[in-house]
Amino acid sequence: MLTPDQIENLNKWIKDAYGSPEELTKQLENLVFMLHFLEEEVFTKREIQSAAELLKGFGEVLGNAKSQ
């Protein structure tokens, strides 16, 4: 279960990084698609880096709230 601090941090991160929950959902759907078809020269390096940054952001938001 998320704590109130985690929820607040997650909402702020979604707004700051993606603008809306709908845009984040779209990016997550793209990430899942990418992972299913990840092969050399299918996606650009930037697309893969963006996907990794999304996952890193989730981890940072949820991890930082735990230590508070």
N, C-alpha and C. Protein backbone atom coordinates (compact mmCIF):
# COMPACT_ATOMS: atom_id res chain seq x y z
N MET A 1 0.85 -1.17 0.00
CA MET A 1 0.00 0.00 0.00
C MET A 1 0.90 1.23 0.00
N LEU A 2 0.54 2.22 -0.76
CA LEU A 2 1.31 3.46 -0.79
C LEU A 2 0.96 4.32 0.41
N THR A 3 1.97 4.99 0.94
CA THR A 3 1.73 5.93 2.03
C THR A 3 1.22 7.24 1.44
N PRO A 4 0.63 8.10 2.27
CA PRO A 4 0.20 9.40 1.76
C PRO A 4 1.36 10.21 1.14
N ASP A 5 2.56 10.12 1.73
CA ASP A 5 3.72 10.82 1.17
C ASP A 5 4.09 10.27 -0.21
N GLN A 6 4.03 8.94 -0.35
CA GLN A 6 4.33 8.33 -1.64
C GLN A 6 3.32 8.77 -2.70
N ILE A 7 2.06 8.81 -2.32
CA ILE A 7 1.01 9.23 -3.26
C ILE A 7 1.24 10.68 -3.67
N GLU A 8 1.53 11.53 -2.71
CA GLU A 8 1.78 12.94 -3.01
C GLU A 8 3.00 13.09 -3.94
N ASN A 9 4.08 12.38 -3.61
CA ASN A 9 5.28 12.45 -4.44
C ASN A 9 5.05 11.89 -5.83
N LEU A 10 4.29 10.80 -5.91
CA LEU A 10 3.99 10.20 -7.20
C LEU A 10 3.14 11.13 -8.06
N ASN A 11 2.13 11.74 -7.46
CA ASN A 11 1.30 12.69 -8.20
C ASN A 11 2.12 13.87 -8.72
N LYS A 12 3.02 14.39 -7.89
CA LYS A 12 3.87 15.51 -8.30
C LYS A 12 4.79 15.08 -9.43
N TRP A 13 5.39 13.90 -9.31
CA TRP A 13 6.30 13.40 -10.33
C TRP A 13 5.57 13.20 -11.65
N ILE A 14 4.37 12.62 -11.60
CA ILE A 14 3.59 12.42 -12.83
C ILE A 14 3.32 13.75 -13.51
N LYS A 15 2.89 14.74 -12.73
CA LYS A 15 2.58 16.05 -13.30
C LYS A 15 3.83 16.71 -13.86
N ASP A 16 4.93 16.70 -13.10
CA ASP A 16 6.16 17.35 -13.53
C ASP A 16 6.80 16.66 -14.74
N ALA A 17 6.80 15.33 -14.72
CA ALA A 17 7.51 14.58 -15.76
C ALA A 17 6.67 14.30 -17.00
N TYR A 18 5.35 14.12 -16.83
CA TYR A 18 4.51 13.68 -17.94
C TYR A 18 3.29 14.56 -18.20
N GLY A 19 2.98 15.45 -17.29
CA GLY A 19 1.88 16.37 -17.50
C GLY A 19 0.52 15.86 -17.07
N SER A 20 0.29 14.55 -17.20
CA SER A 20 -1.00 14.00 -16.82
C SER A 20 -0.87 12.49 -16.64
N PRO A 21 -1.79 11.89 -15.88
CA PRO A 21 -1.78 10.44 -15.73
C PRO A 21 -2.00 9.74 -17.08
N GLU A 22 -2.78 10.35 -17.95
CA GLU A 22 -3.04 9.75 -19.26
C GLU A 22 -1.77 9.65 -20.09
N GLU A 23 -0.94 10.70 -20.03
CA GLU A 23 0.32 10.66 -20.78
C GLU A 23 1.27 9.63 -20.18
N LEU A 24 1.30 9.52 -18.87
CA LEU A 24 2.12 8.49 -18.23
C LEU A 24 1.64 7.11 -18.65
N THR A 25 0.34 6.89 -18.67
CA THR A 25 -0.23 5.61 -19.10
C THR A 25 0.20 5.28 -20.53
N LYS A 26 0.16 6.28 -21.39
CA LYS A 26 0.58 6.09 -22.77
C LYS A 26 2.06 5.68 -22.83
N GLN A 27 2.88 6.34 -22.03
CA GLN A 27 4.30 6.00 -22.01
C GLN A 27 4.55 4.60 -21.45
N LEU A 28 3.80 4.21 -20.43
CA LEU A 28 3.93 2.86 -19.88
C LEU A 28 3.52 1.80 -20.90
N GLU A 29 2.46 2.08 -21.65
CA GLU A 29 2.03 1.15 -22.69
C GLU A 29 3.12 1.01 -23.76
N ASN A 30 3.75 2.13 -24.12
CA ASN A 30 4.85 2.09 -25.08
C ASN A 30 6.02 1.28 -24.53
N LEU A 31 6.30 1.44 -23.25
CA LEU A 31 7.40 0.71 -22.61
C LEU A 31 7.15 -0.79 -22.67
N VAL A 32 5.95 -1.21 -22.33
CA VAL A 32 5.62 -2.64 -22.37
C VAL A 32 5.78 -3.16 -23.80
N PHE A 33 5.30 -2.41 -24.76
CA PHE A 33 5.44 -2.79 -26.17
C PHE A 33 6.91 -2.93 -26.53
N MET A 34 7.71 -1.95 -26.14
CA MET A 34 9.14 -1.98 -26.45
C MET A 34 9.81 -3.22 -25.87
N LEU A 35 9.49 -3.54 -24.63
CA LEU A 35 10.13 -4.68 -23.98
C LEU A 35 9.78 -6.01 -24.67
N HIS A 36 8.59 -6.09 -25.23
CA HIS A 36 8.19 -7.31 -25.94
C HIS A 36 8.97 -7.49 -27.24
N PHE A 37 9.38 -6.38 -27.85
CA PHE A 37 9.99 -6.45 -29.17
C PHE A 37 11.41 -5.88 -29.19
N LEU A 38 12.05 -5.85 -28.03
CA LEU A 38 13.37 -5.25 -27.93
C LEU A 38 14.42 -6.10 -28.66
N GLU A 39 14.88 -5.57 -29.75
CA GLU A 39 15.95 -6.17 -30.53
C GLU A 39 16.81 -5.03 -31.06
N GLU A 40 18.00 -5.36 -31.50
CA GLU A 40 18.87 -4.33 -32.06
C GLU A 40 18.19 -3.64 -33.23
N GLU A 41 18.33 -2.35 -33.28
CA GLU A 41 17.87 -1.49 -34.37
C GLU A 41 16.36 -1.42 -34.54
N VAL A 42 15.59 -1.84 -33.52
CA VAL A 42 14.14 -1.71 -33.58
C VAL A 42 13.72 -0.36 -33.00
N PHE A 43 14.35 0.04 -31.89
CA PHE A 43 14.06 1.31 -31.23
C PHE A 43 15.33 2.14 -31.17
N THR A 44 15.15 3.45 -31.14
CA THR A 44 16.31 4.32 -31.05
C THR A 44 16.87 4.27 -29.63
N LYS A 45 18.11 4.64 -29.52
CA LYS A 45 18.75 4.70 -28.21
C LYS A 45 17.96 5.63 -27.30
N ARG A 46 17.50 6.75 -27.83
CA ARG A 46 16.74 7.73 -27.04
C ARG A 46 15.42 7.14 -26.54
N GLU A 47 14.74 6.36 -27.35
CA GLU A 47 13.49 5.73 -26.91
C GLU A 47 13.74 4.78 -25.74
N ILE A 48 14.81 4.02 -25.82
CA ILE A 48 15.15 3.09 -24.74
C ILE A 48 15.56 3.86 -23.49
N GLN A 49 16.33 4.94 -23.66
CA GLN A 49 16.73 5.75 -22.51
C GLN A 49 15.51 6.38 -21.83
N SER A 50 14.55 6.84 -22.62
CA SER A 50 13.33 7.43 -22.05
C SER A 50 12.55 6.41 -21.24
N ALA A 51 12.48 5.18 -21.74
CA ALA A 51 11.80 4.11 -21.01
C ALA A 51 12.51 3.83 -19.69
N ALA A 52 13.82 3.79 -19.73
CA ALA A 52 14.60 3.55 -18.51
C ALA A 52 14.42 4.69 -17.51
N GLU A 53 14.37 5.92 -18.00
CA GLU A 53 14.16 7.07 -17.12
C GLU A 53 12.81 7.02 -16.44
N LEU A 54 11.79 6.56 -17.16
CA LEU A 54 10.46 6.43 -16.56
C LEU A 54 10.51 5.46 -15.38
N LEU A 55 11.11 4.31 -15.58
CA LEU A 55 11.21 3.32 -14.51
C LEU A 55 12.06 3.83 -13.36
N LYS A 56 13.15 4.51 -13.67
CA LYS A 56 14.02 5.09 -12.64
C LYS A 56 13.24 6.11 -11.81
N GLY A 57 12.43 6.93 -12.48
CA GLY A 57 11.63 7.93 -11.78
C GLY A 57 10.66 7.30 -10.80
N PHE A 58 10.00 6.23 -11.22
CA PHE A 58 9.11 5.52 -10.30
C PHE A 58 9.87 5.05 -9.08
N GLY A 59 11.01 4.42 -9.31
CA GLY A 59 11.80 3.92 -8.21
C GLY A 59 12.26 5.01 -7.26
N GLU A 60 12.66 6.15 -7.81
CA GLU A 60 13.10 7.25 -6.97
C GLU A 60 11.96 7.81 -6.12
N VAL A 61 10.79 8.00 -6.75
CA VAL A 61 9.65 8.54 -6.02
C VAL A 61 9.24 7.60 -4.89
N LEU A 62 9.10 6.33 -5.20
CA LEU A 62 8.66 5.37 -4.19
C LEU A 62 9.74 5.08 -3.17
N GLY A 63 10.98 5.04 -3.58
CA GLY A 63 12.09 4.79 -2.67
C GLY A 63 12.34 5.93 -1.71
N ASN A 64 12.28 7.17 -2.21
CA ASN A 64 12.51 8.34 -1.36
C ASN A 64 11.43 8.49 -0.31
N ALA A 65 10.23 8.15 -0.64
CA ALA A 65 9.13 8.28 0.33
C ALA A 65 9.30 7.27 1.47
N LYS A 66 9.90 6.11 1.20
CA LYS A 66 10.10 5.11 2.22
C LYS A 66 11.04 5.61 3.32
N SER A 67 12.04 6.37 2.91
CA SER A 67 13.05 6.82 3.88
C SER A 67 12.63 8.04 4.67
N GLN A 68 11.47 8.59 4.36
CA GLN A 68 10.99 9.78 5.08
C GLN A 68 10.28 9.38 6.36
